C-alpha cells in the first residue's frame, strides 16, 4: 500500500456521495491534495462500497463554492455496532485545487 505524503486537513463539510445511480449523504472528515476521507450517514444494512469503484463527492467549500470531486474508492469499513455507517478512503482523480480554495 502506498504511503500518504499530503497533509490532511479536518473539514466537517456535509457532502452528497454519488455512487452508481444513487446519492447518499455524509461528512468529509478530512481532505488532502490527493485524498479524502468520508463518514456516511446511516445506510441500509448489508450495503457495501467496493474498492476501486468510481465515486463522486459534491459539497460546499468554506468559500461557499460547489465542489465536485471525482474519486476512486481505496478502502472502506463499516462502523460498529450496527454497521450501517461507513468510513470511506478515496483517491482524488480530478484535483481542482487551482479552481477552488478548499485546502
PDB file of N, CA and C in Angstrom:
ATOM      1  N   UNK A   1       0.842  -1.180   0.000  1.00  0.00           N
ATOM      2  CA  UNK A   1       0.000   0.000   0.000  1.00  0.00           C
ATOM      3  C   UNK A   1       0.889   1.246   0.000  1.00  0.00           C
ATOM      4  N   UNK A   2       0.546   2.198  -0.829  1.00  0.00           N
ATOM      5  CA  UNK A   2       1.312   3.435  -0.936  1.00  0.00           C
ATOM      6  C   UNK A   2       1.085   4.308   0.294  1.00  0.00           C
ATOM      7  N   UNK A   3       2.176   4.919   0.786  1.00  0.00           N
ATOM      8  CA  UNK A   3       2.069   5.775   1.967  1.00  0.00           C
ATOM      9  C   UNK A   3       1.566   7.154   1.583  1.00  0.00           C
ATOM     10  N   UNK A   4       0.871   7.777   2.507  1.00  0.00           N
ATOM     11  CA  UNK A   4       0.311   9.110   2.318  1.00  0.00           C
ATOM     12  C   UNK A   4       1.408  10.150   2.547  1.00  0.00           C
ATOM     13  N   UNK A   5       1.522  11.130   1.638  1.00  0.00           N
ATOM     14  CA  UNK A   5       2.514  12.187   1.773  1.00  0.00           C
ATOM     15  C   UNK A   5       1.892  13.567   1.914  1.00  0.00           C
ATOM     16  N   UNK A   6       0.635  13.719   1.604  1.00  0.00           N
ATOM     17  CA  UNK A   6      -0.035  15.016   1.689  1.00  0.00           C
ATOM     18  C   UNK A   6      -0.646  15.198   3.074  1.00  0.00           C
ATOM     19  N   UNK A   7      -0.523  16.395   3.621  1.00  0.00           N
ATOM     20  CA  UNK A   7      -1.099  16.692   4.926  1.00  0.00           C
ATOM     21  C   UNK A   7      -2.622  16.677   4.852  1.00  0.00           C
ATOM     22  N   UNK A   8      -3.253  16.053   5.839  1.00  0.00           N
ATOM     23  CA  UNK A   8      -4.711  16.000   5.913  1.00  0.00           C
ATOM     24  C   UNK A   8      -5.230  17.192   6.697  1.00  0.00           C
ATOM     25  N   UNK A   9      -6.343  17.761   6.217  1.00  0.00           N
ATOM     26  CA  UNK A   9      -6.977  18.892   6.882  1.00  0.00           C
ATOM     27  C   UNK A   9      -8.384  18.470   7.288  1.00  0.00           C
ATOM     28  N   UNK A  10      -8.729  18.616   8.570  1.00  0.00           N
ATOM     29  CA  UNK A  10     -10.077  18.289   9.041  1.00  0.00           C
ATOM     30  C   UNK A  10     -11.044  19.337   8.508  1.00  0.00           C
ATOM     31  N   UNK A  11     -12.215  18.882   8.004  1.00  0.00           N
ATOM     32  CA  UNK A  11     -13.135  19.831   7.380  1.00  0.00           C
ATOM     33  C   UNK A  11     -14.538  19.834   7.972  1.00  0.00           C
ATOM     34  N   UNK A  12     -15.194  18.687   8.041  1.00  0.00           N
ATOM     35  CA  UNK A  12     -16.576  18.630   8.509  1.00  0.00           C
ATOM     36  C   UNK A  12     -17.600  19.065   7.476  1.00  0.00           C
ATOM     37  N   UNK A  13     -17.209  19.129   6.180  1.00  0.00           N
ATOM     38  CA  UNK A  13     -18.152  19.509   5.128  1.00  0.00           C
ATOM     39  C   UNK A  13     -19.238  18.443   4.976  1.00  0.00           C
ATOM     40  N   UNK A  14     -20.512  18.844   4.948  1.00  0.00           N
ATOM     41  CA  UNK A  14     -21.591  17.919   4.599  1.00  0.00           C
ATOM     42  C   UNK A  14     -21.470  17.654   3.105  1.00  0.00           C
ATOM     43  N   UNK A  15     -21.634  16.400   2.702  1.00  0.00           N
ATOM     44  CA  UNK A  15     -21.419  16.042   1.306  1.00  0.00           C
ATOM     45  C   UNK A  15     -22.506  15.119   0.776  1.00  0.00           C
ATOM     46  N   UNK A  16     -22.720  15.217  -0.520  1.00  0.00           N
ATOM     47  CA  UNK A  16     -23.511  14.226  -1.249  1.00  0.00           C
ATOM     48  C   UNK A  16     -22.512  13.247  -1.839  1.00  0.00           C
ATOM     49  N   UNK A  17     -22.817  11.970  -1.726  1.00  0.00           N
ATOM     50  CA  UNK A  17     -21.961  10.909  -2.239  1.00  0.00           C
ATOM     51  C   UNK A  17     -22.669  10.300  -3.433  1.00  0.00           C
ATOM     52  N   UNK A  18     -22.103  10.447  -4.615  1.00  0.00           N
ATOM     53  CA  UNK A  18     -22.703   9.932  -5.845  1.00  0.00           C
ATOM     54  C   UNK A  18     -22.005   8.619  -6.184  1.00  0.00           C
ATOM     55  N   UNK A  19     -22.741   7.516  -6.047  1.00  0.00           N
ATOM     56  CA  UNK A  19     -22.162   6.188  -6.229  1.00  0.00           C
ATOM     57  C   UNK A  19     -23.125   5.348  -7.050  1.00  0.00           C
ATOM     58  N   UNK A  20     -22.673   4.900  -8.206  1.00  0.00           N
ATOM     59  CA  UNK A  20     -23.564   4.190  -9.116  1.00  0.00           C
ATOM     60  C   UNK A  20     -24.651   5.142  -9.567  1.00  0.00           C
ATOM     61  N   UNK A  21     -25.893   4.722  -9.463  1.00  0.00           N
ATOM     62  CA  UNK A  21     -27.027   5.576  -9.833  1.00  0.00           C
ATOM     63  C   UNK A  21     -27.698   6.213  -8.622  1.00  0.00           C
ATOM     64  N   UNK A  22     -27.057   6.119  -7.457  1.00  0.00           N
ATOM     65  CA  UNK A  22     -27.675   6.585  -6.220  1.00  0.00           C
ATOM     66  C   UNK A  22     -26.884   7.714  -5.575  1.00  0.00           C
ATOM     67  N   UNK A  23     -27.566   8.464  -4.713  1.00  0.00           N
ATOM     68  CA  UNK A  23     -26.946   9.548  -3.954  1.00  0.00           C
ATOM     69  C   UNK A  23     -27.144   9.279  -2.470  1.00  0.00           C
ATOM     70  N   UNK A  24     -26.058   9.386  -1.719  1.00  0.00           N
ATOM     71  CA  UNK A  24     -26.068   9.186  -0.273  1.00  0.00           C
ATOM     72  C   UNK A  24     -25.551  10.462   0.376  1.00  0.00           C
ATOM     73  N   UNK A  25     -25.618  10.546   1.693  1.00  0.00           N
ATOM     74  CA  UNK A  25     -25.111  11.728   2.390  1.00  0.00           C
ATOM     75  C   UNK A  25     -24.077  11.314   3.424  1.00  0.00           C
ATOM     76  N   UNK A  26     -23.241  12.284   3.785  1.00  0.00           N
ATOM     77  CA  UNK A  26     -22.215  12.030   4.781  1.00  0.00           C
ATOM     78  C   UNK A  26     -21.460  13.305   5.102  1.00  0.00           C
ATOM     79  N   UNK A  27     -20.302  13.130   5.729  1.00  0.00           N
ATOM     80  CA  UNK A  27     -19.459  14.247   6.137  1.00  0.00           C
ATOM     81  C   UNK A  27     -18.024  13.976   5.692  1.00  0.00           C
ATOM     82  N   UNK A  28     -17.403  14.977   5.056  1.00  0.00           N
ATOM     83  CA  UNK A  28     -15.980  14.888   4.728  1.00  0.00           C
ATOM     84  C   UNK A  28     -15.232  15.090   6.043  1.00  0.00           C
ATOM     85  N   UNK A  29     -14.592  14.038   6.530  1.00  0.00           N
ATOM     86  CA  UNK A  29     -13.860  14.144   7.800  1.00  0.00           C
ATOM     87  C   UNK A  29     -12.543  14.881   7.608  1.00  0.00           C
ATOM     88  N   UNK A  30     -11.827  14.511   6.547  1.00  0.00           N
ATOM     89  CA  UNK A  30     -10.581  15.210   6.249  1.00  0.00           C
ATOM     90  C   UNK A  30     -10.266  15.083   4.771  1.00  0.00           C
ATOM     91  N   UNK A  31      -9.402  15.981   4.311  1.00  0.00           N
ATOM     92  CA  UNK A  31      -9.083  16.060   2.887  1.00  0.00           C
ATOM     93  C   UNK A  31      -7.625  16.478   2.737  1.00  0.00           C
ATOM     94  N   UNK A  32      -7.002  16.031   1.656  1.00  0.00           N
ATOM     95  CA  UNK A  32      -5.641  16.440   1.323  1.00  0.00           C
ATOM     96  C   UNK A  32      -5.593  16.724  -0.170  1.00  0.00           C
ATOM     97  N   UNK A  33      -4.430  17.040  -0.668  1.00  0.00           N
ATOM     98  CA  UNK A  33      -4.290  17.318  -2.096  1.00  0.00           C
ATOM     99  C   UNK A  33      -4.595  16.093  -2.949  1.00  0.00           C
ATOM    100  N   UNK A  34      -4.441  14.891  -2.386  1.00  0.00           N
ATOM    101  CA  UNK A  34      -4.622  13.692  -3.197  1.00  0.00           C
ATOM    102  C   UNK A  34      -5.701  12.734  -2.701  1.00  0.00           C
ATOM    103  N   UNK A  35      -6.269  12.983  -1.520  1.00  0.00           N
ATOM    104  CA  UNK A  35      -7.248  12.040  -0.996  1.00  0.00           C
ATOM    105  C   UNK A  35      -8.262  12.675  -0.076  1.00  0.00           C
ATOM    106  N   UNK A  36      -9.291  11.904   0.227  1.00  0.00           N
ATOM    107  CA  UNK A  36     -10.379  12.393   1.078  1.00  0.00           C
ATOM    108  C   UNK A  36     -10.940  11.221   1.881  1.00  0.00           C
ATOM    109  N   UNK A  37     -11.389  11.514   3.095  1.00  0.00           N
ATOM    110  CA  UNK A  37     -11.982  10.520   3.975  1.00  0.00           C
ATOM    111  C   UNK A  37     -13.388  10.985   4.323  1.00  0.00           C
ATOM    112  N   UNK A  38     -14.376  10.110   4.134  1.00  0.00           N
ATOM    113  CA  UNK A  38     -15.782  10.459   4.353  1.00  0.00           C
ATOM    114  C   UNK A  38     -16.418   9.469   5.322  1.00  0.00           C
ATOM    115  N   UNK A  39     -17.271   9.983   6.195  1.00  0.00           N
ATOM    116  CA  UNK A  39     -18.106   9.161   7.059  1.00  0.00           C
ATOM    117  C   UNK A  39     -19.538   9.318   6.573  1.00  0.00           C
ATOM    118  N   UNK A  40     -20.174   8.208   6.194  1.00  0.00           N
ATOM    119  CA  UNK A  40     -21.542   8.274   5.661  1.00  0.00           C
ATOM    120  C   UNK A  40     -22.557   8.407   6.783  1.00  0.00           C
ATOM    121  N   UNK A  41     -23.744   8.881   6.418  1.00  0.00           N
ATOM    122  CA  UNK A  41     -24.895   8.763   7.298  1.00  0.00           C
ATOM    123  C   UNK A  41     -25.334   7.300   7.237  1.00  0.00           C
ATOM    124  N   UNK A  42     -26.375   6.937   7.966  1.00  0.00           N
ATOM    125  CA  UNK A  42     -26.817   5.542   8.003  1.00  0.00           C
ATOM    126  C   UNK A  42     -27.288   5.066   6.631  1.00  0.00           C
ATOM    127  N   UNK A  43     -26.865   3.849   6.272  1.00  0.00           N
ATOM    128  CA  UNK A  43     -27.261   3.205   5.016  1.00  0.00           C
ATOM    129  C   UNK A  43     -27.963   1.890   5.342  1.00  0.00           C
ATOM    130  N   UNK A  44     -28.565   1.288   4.342  1.00  0.00           N
ATOM    131  CA  UNK A  44     -29.269   0.020   4.545  1.00  0.00           C
ATOM    132  C   UNK A  44     -28.296  -1.053   5.040  1.00  0.00           C
ATOM    133  N   UNK A  45     -28.736  -1.890   5.989  1.00  0.00           N
ATOM    134  CA  UNK A  45     -27.872  -2.980   6.452  1.00  0.00           C
ATOM    135  C   UNK A  45     -27.423  -3.847   5.281  1.00  0.00           C
ATOM    136  N   UNK A  46     -26.163  -4.217   5.276  1.00  0.00           N
ATOM    137  CA  UNK A  46     -25.628  -5.061   4.212  1.00  0.00           C
ATOM    138  C   UNK A  46     -25.094  -4.305   3.012  1.00  0.00           C
ATOM    139  N   UNK A  47     -25.362  -2.990   2.924  1.00  0.00           N
ATOM    140  CA  UNK A  47     -24.858  -2.207   1.798  1.00  0.00           C
ATOM    141  C   UNK A  47     -23.338  -2.159   1.863  1.00  0.00           C
ATOM    142  N   UNK A  48     -22.677  -2.190   0.694  1.00  0.00           N
ATOM    143  CA  UNK A  48     -21.219  -2.141   0.635  1.00  0.00           C
ATOM    144  C   UNK A  48     -20.746  -1.220  -0.487  1.00  0.00           C
ATOM    145  N   UNK A  49     -19.718  -0.443  -0.192  1.00  0.00           N
ATOM    146  CA  UNK A  49     -18.960   0.266  -1.213  1.00  0.00           C
ATOM    147  C   UNK A  49     -17.813  -0.659  -1.610  1.00  0.00           C
ATOM    148  N   UNK A  50     -17.429  -0.671  -2.885  1.00  0.00           N
ATOM    149  CA  UNK A  50     -16.394  -1.580  -3.353  1.00  0.00           C
ATOM    150  C   UNK A  50     -15.113  -0.827  -3.714  1.00  0.00           C
ATOM    151  N   UNK A  51     -13.976  -1.251  -3.152  1.00  0.00           N
ATOM    152  CA  UNK A  51     -12.703  -0.640  -3.539  1.00  0.00           C
ATOM    153  C   UNK A  51     -12.501  -0.698  -5.048  1.00  0.00           C
ATOM    154  N   UNK A  52     -11.854   0.323  -5.570  1.00  0.00           N
ATOM    155  CA  UNK A  52     -11.546   0.511  -6.997  1.00  0.00           C
ATOM    156  C   UNK A  52     -12.728   1.032  -7.807  1.00  0.00           C
ATOM    157  N   UNK A  53     -13.910   1.153  -7.200  1.00  0.00           N
ATOM    158  CA  UNK A  53     -15.061   1.721  -7.911  1.00  0.00           C
ATOM    159  C   UNK A  53     -14.941   3.244  -7.984  1.00  0.00           C
ATOM    160  N   UNK A  54     -15.461   3.841  -9.054  1.00  0.00           N
ATOM    161  CA  UNK A  54     -15.513   5.309  -9.119  1.00  0.00           C
ATOM    162  C   UNK A  54     -16.599   5.841  -8.185  1.00  0.00           C
ATOM    163  N   UNK A  55     -16.379   7.028  -7.666  1.00  0.00           N
ATOM    164  CA  UNK A  55     -17.310   7.668  -6.745  1.00  0.00           C
ATOM    165  C   UNK A  55     -17.103   9.173  -6.859  1.00  0.00           C
ATOM    166  N   UNK A  56     -18.145   9.946  -6.632  1.00  0.00           N
ATOM    167  CA  UNK A  56     -18.023  11.406  -6.680  1.00  0.00           C
ATOM    168  C   UNK A  56     -18.568  12.004  -5.394  1.00  0.00           C
ATOM    169  N   UNK A  57     -17.966  13.114  -4.988  1.00  0.00           N
ATOM    170  CA  UNK A  57     -18.424  13.865  -3.825  1.00  0.00           C
ATOM    171  C   UNK A  57     -18.808  15.256  -4.264  1.00  0.00           C
ATOM    172  N   UNK A  58     -19.910  15.759  -3.725  1.00  0.00           N
ATOM    173  CA  UNK A  58     -20.374  17.112  -4.037  1.00  0.00           C
ATOM    174  C   UNK A  58     -20.644  17.825  -2.720  1.00  0.00           C
ATOM    175  N   UNK A  59     -19.959  18.970  -2.512  1.00  0.00           N
ATOM    176  CA  UNK A  59     -20.129  19.715  -1.265  1.00  0.00           C
ATOM    177  C   UNK A  59     -19.828  21.190  -1.474  1.00  0.00           C
ATOM    178  N   UNK A  60     -20.189  21.991  -0.477  1.00  0.00           N
ATOM    179  CA  UNK A  60     -19.912  23.423  -0.489  1.00  0.00           C
ATOM    180  C   UNK A  60     -18.595  23.660   0.236  1.00  0.00           C
ATOM    181  N   UNK A  61     -17.672  24.392  -0.393  1.00  0.00           N
ATOM    182  CA  UNK A  61     -16.400  24.713   0.242  1.00  0.00           C
ATOM    183  C   UNK A  61     -16.601  25.818   1.267  1.00  0.00           C
ATOM    184  N   UNK A  62     -15.546  26.141   1.997  1.00  0.00           N
ATOM    185  CA  UNK A  62     -15.647  27.213   3.003  1.00  0.00           C
ATOM    186  C   UNK A  62     -15.929  28.560   2.366  1.00  0.00           C
ATOM    187  N   UNK A  63     -15.640  28.688   1.046  1.00  0.00           N
ATOM    188  CA  UNK A  63     -15.961  29.921   0.321  1.00  0.00           C
ATOM    189  C   UNK A  63     -17.326  29.825  -0.351  1.00  0.00           C
ATOM    190  N   UNK A  64     -18.086  28.762   0.005  1.00  0.00           N
ATOM    191  CA  UNK A  64     -19.445  28.517  -0.480  1.00  0.00           C
ATOM    192  C   UNK A  64     -19.530  28.189  -1.966  1.00  0.00           C
ATOM    193  N   UNK A  65     -18.429  27.739  -2.541  1.00  0.00           N
ATOM    194  CA  UNK A  65     -18.442  27.256  -3.916  1.00  0.00           C
ATOM    195  C   UNK A  65     -18.833  25.781  -3.903  1.00  0.00           C
ATOM    196  N   UNK A  66     -19.570  25.335  -4.916  1.00  0.00           N
ATOM    197  CA  UNK A  66     -19.900  23.923  -5.035  1.00  0.00           C
ATOM    198  C   UNK A  66     -18.712  23.201  -5.648  1.00  0.00           C
ATOM    199  N   UNK A  67     -18.239  22.177  -4.953  1.00  0.00           N
ATOM    200  CA  UNK A  67     -17.084  21.398  -5.388  1.00  0.00           C
ATOM    201  C   UNK A  67     -17.560  20.001  -5.757  1.00  0.00           C
ATOM    202  N   UNK A  68     -17.120  19.499  -6.907  1.00  0.00           N
ATOM    203  CA  UNK A  68     -17.398  18.127  -7.321  1.00  0.00           C
ATOM    204  C   UNK A  68     -16.058  17.421  -7.484  1.00  0.00           C
ATOM    205  N   UNK A  69     -15.822  16.413  -6.652  1.00  0.00           N
ATOM    206  CA  UNK A  69     -14.579  15.649  -6.716  1.00  0.00           C
ATOM    207  C   UNK A  69     -14.846  14.280  -7.318  1.00  0.00           C
ATOM    208  N   UNK A  70     -14.082  13.933  -8.342  1.00  0.00           N
ATOM    209  CA  UNK A  70     -14.138  12.594  -8.924  1.00  0.00           C
ATOM    210  C   UNK A  70     -13.040  11.781  -8.253  1.00  0.00           C
ATOM    211  N   UNK A  71     -13.446  10.632  -7.703  1.00  0.00           N
ATOM    212  CA  UNK A  71     -12.525   9.845  -6.889  1.00  0.00           C
ATOM    213  C   UNK A  71     -12.603   8.361  -7.241  1.00  0.00           C
ATOM    214  N   UNK A  72     -11.669   7.610  -6.669  1.00  0.00           N
ATOM    215  CA  UNK A  72     -11.681   6.156  -6.695  1.00  0.00           C
ATOM    216  C   UNK A  72     -11.660   5.677  -5.252  1.00  0.00           C
ATOM    217  N   UNK A  73     -12.510   4.712  -4.924  1.00  0.00           N
ATOM    218  CA  UNK A  73     -12.528   4.157  -3.570  1.00  0.00           C
ATOM    219  C   UNK A  73     -11.259   3.333  -3.369  1.00  0.00           C
ATOM    220  N   UNK A  74     -10.505   3.659  -2.315  1.00  0.00           N
ATOM    221  CA  UNK A  74      -9.291   2.918  -1.986  1.00  0.00           C
ATOM    222  C   UNK A  74      -9.565   1.871  -0.905  1.00  0.00           C
ATOM    223  N   UNK A  75     -10.373   2.239   0.076  1.00  0.00           N
ATOM    224  CA  UNK A  75     -10.734   1.319   1.156  1.00  0.00           C
ATOM    225  C   UNK A  75     -12.055   1.766   1.770  1.00  0.00           C
ATOM    226  N   UNK A  76     -12.693   0.857   2.469  1.00  0.00           N
ATOM    227  CA  UNK A  76     -13.940   1.170   3.161  1.00  0.00           C
ATOM    228  C   UNK A  76     -14.089   0.251   4.364  1.00  0.00           C
ATOM    229  N   UNK A  77     -14.735   0.752   5.395  1.00  0.00           N
ATOM    230  CA  UNK A  77     -15.000  -0.045   6.587  1.00  0.00           C
ATOM    231  C   UNK A  77     -16.345   0.376   7.168  1.00  0.00           C
ATOM    232  N   UNK A  78     -17.016  -0.550   7.828  1.00  0.00           N
ATOM    233  CA  UNK A  78     -18.273  -0.209   8.496  1.00  0.00           C
ATOM    234  C   UNK A  78     -17.981   0.151   9.947  1.00  0.00           C
ATOM    235  N   UNK A  79     -18.891   0.930  10.539  1.00  0.00           N
ATOM    236  CA  UNK A  79     -18.721   1.408  11.905  1.00  0.00           C
ATOM    237  C   UNK A  79     -19.633   0.600  12.834  1.00  0.00           C
ATOM    238  N   UNK A  80     -19.062  -0.145  13.788  1.00  0.00           N
ATOM    239  CA  UNK A  80     -19.873  -0.906  14.741  1.00  0.00           C
ATOM    240  C   UNK A  80     -20.648   0.030  15.659  1.00  0.00           C
ATOM    241  N   UNK A  81     -21.702  -0.387  16.344  1.00  0.00           N
ATOM    242  CA  UNK A  81     -22.124  -1.781  16.435  1.00  0.00           C
ATOM    243  C   UNK A  81     -23.133  -2.185  15.361  1.00  0.00           C
ATOM    244  N   UNK A  82     -23.867  -1.227  14.763  1.00  0.00           N
ATOM    245  CA  UNK A  82     -24.902  -1.604  13.790  1.00  0.00           C
ATOM    246  C   UNK A  82     -24.345  -1.838  12.388  1.00  0.00           C
ATOM    247  N   UNK A  83     -23.165  -1.309  12.084  1.00  0.00           N
ATOM    248  CA  UNK A  83     -22.541  -1.456  10.765  1.00  0.00           C
ATOM    249  C   UNK A  83     -23.389  -0.874   9.638  1.00  0.00           C
ATOM    250  N   UNK A  84     -24.068   0.254   9.909  1.00  0.00           N
ATOM    251  CA  UNK A  84     -24.863   0.910   8.871  1.00  0.00           C
ATOM    252  C   UNK A  84     -24.240   2.243   8.443  1.00  0.00           C
ATOM    253  N   UNK A  85     -23.167   2.646   9.108  1.00  0.00           N
ATOM    254  CA  UNK A  85     -22.392   3.817   8.680  1.00  0.00           C
ATOM    255  C   UNK A  85     -21.060   3.302   8.150  1.00  0.00           C
ATOM    256  N   UNK A  86     -20.516   4.007   7.170  1.00  0.00           N
ATOM    257  CA  UNK A  86     -19.279   3.573   6.530  1.00  0.00           C
ATOM    258  C   UNK A  86     -18.253   4.698   6.565  1.00  0.00           C
ATOM    259  N   UNK A  87     -17.000   4.335   6.713  1.00  0.00           N
ATOM    260  CA  UNK A  87     -15.891   5.271   6.547  1.00  0.00           C
ATOM    261  C   UNK A  87     -15.216   4.856   5.242  1.00  0.00           C
ATOM    262  N   UNK A  88     -15.033   5.841   4.342  1.00  0.00           N
ATOM    263  CA  UNK A  88     -14.506   5.555   3.008  1.00  0.00           C
ATOM    264  C   UNK A  88     -13.259   6.398   2.766  1.00  0.00           C
ATOM    265  N   UNK A  89     -12.174   5.746   2.372  1.00  0.00           N
ATOM    266  CA  UNK A  89     -10.960   6.440   1.956  1.00  0.00           C
ATOM    267  C   UNK A  89     -10.907   6.462   0.441  1.00  0.00           C
ATOM    268  N   UNK A  90     -10.687   7.644  -0.132  1.00  0.00           N
ATOM    269  CA  UNK A  90     -10.716   7.793  -1.583  1.00  0.00           C
ATOM    270  C   UNK A  90      -9.495   8.533  -2.103  1.00  0.00           C
ATOM    271  N   UNK A  91      -9.077   8.170  -3.291  1.00  0.00           N
ATOM    272  CA  UNK A  91      -8.050   8.920  -4.008  1.00  0.00           C
ATOM    273  C   UNK A  91      -8.773   9.889  -4.941  1.00  0.00           C
ATOM    274  N   UNK A  92      -8.356  11.146  -4.932  1.00  0.00           N
ATOM    275  CA  UNK A  92      -8.977  12.151  -5.794  1.00  0.00           C
ATOM    276  C   UNK A  92      -8.349  12.049  -7.178  1.00  0.00           C
ATOM    277  N   UNK A  93      -9.176  11.835  -8.192  1.00  0.00           N
ATOM    278  CA  UNK A  93      -8.703  11.683  -9.566  1.00  0.00           C
ATOM    279  C   UNK A  93      -8.562  13.039 -10.244  1.00  0.00           C
ATOM    280  N   UNK A  94      -9.588  13.861 -10.127  1.00  0.00           N
ATOM    281  CA  UNK A  94      -9.613  15.183 -10.762  1.00  0.00           C
ATOM    282  C   UNK A  94      -9.409  16.221  -9.661  1.00  0.00           C
ATOM    283  N   UNK A  95      -8.189  16.715  -9.508  1.00  0.00           N
ATOM    284  CA  UNK A  95      -7.847  17.611  -8.396  1.00  0.00           C
ATOM    285  C   UNK A  95      -8.026  19.075  -8.796  1.00  0.00           C
ATOM    286  N   UNK A  96      -9.102  19.713  -8.302  1.00  0.00           N
ATOM    287  CA  UNK A  96      -9.456  21.078  -8.731  1.00  0.00           C
ATOM    288  C   UNK A  96      -8.889  22.183  -7.845  1.00  0.00           C
ATOM    289  N   UNK A  97      -7.706  21.996  -7.269  1.00  0.00           N
ATOM    290  CA  UNK A  97      -7.219  22.922  -6.246  1.00  0.00           C
ATOM    291  C   UNK A  97      -6.965  24.330  -6.747  1.00  0.00           C
ATOM    292  N   UNK A  98      -6.629  24.496  -8.005  1.00  0.00           N
ATOM    293  CA  UNK A  98      -6.420  25.854  -8.519  1.00  0.00           C
ATOM    294  C   UNK A  98      -7.744  26.596  -8.659  1.00  0.00           C
ATOM    295  N   UNK A  99      -8.822  25.860  -8.908  1.00  0.00           N
ATOM    296  CA  UNK A  99     -10.133  26.472  -9.105  1.00  0.00           C
ATOM    297  C   UNK A  99     -10.837  26.770  -7.781  1.00  0.00           C
ATOM    298  N   UNK A 100     -10.679  25.897  -6.803  1.00  0.00           N
ATOM    299  CA  UNK A 100     -11.381  26.041  -5.528  1.00  0.00           C
ATOM    300  C   UNK A 100     -10.387  26.198  -4.393  1.00  0.00           C
ATOM    301  N   UNK A 101     -10.739  27.016  -3.441  1.00  0.00           N
ATOM    302  CA  UNK A 101      -9.889  27.211  -2.266  1.00  0.00           C
ATOM    303  C   UNK A 101     -10.470  26.414  -1.109  1.00  0.00           C
ATOM    304  N   UNK A 102     -10.298  25.097  -1.173  1.00  0.00           N
ATOM    305  CA  UNK A 102     -10.867  24.256  -0.127  1.00  0.00           C
ATOM    306  C   UNK A 102      -9.805  23.693   0.792  1.00  0.00           C
ATOM    307  N   UNK A 103      -8.546  23.828   0.433  1.00  0.00           N
ATOM    308  CA  UNK A 103      -7.482  23.322   1.308  1.00  0.00           C
ATOM    309  C   UNK A 103      -6.862  24.446   2.084  1.00  0.00           C
TER     310      UNK A 103
END
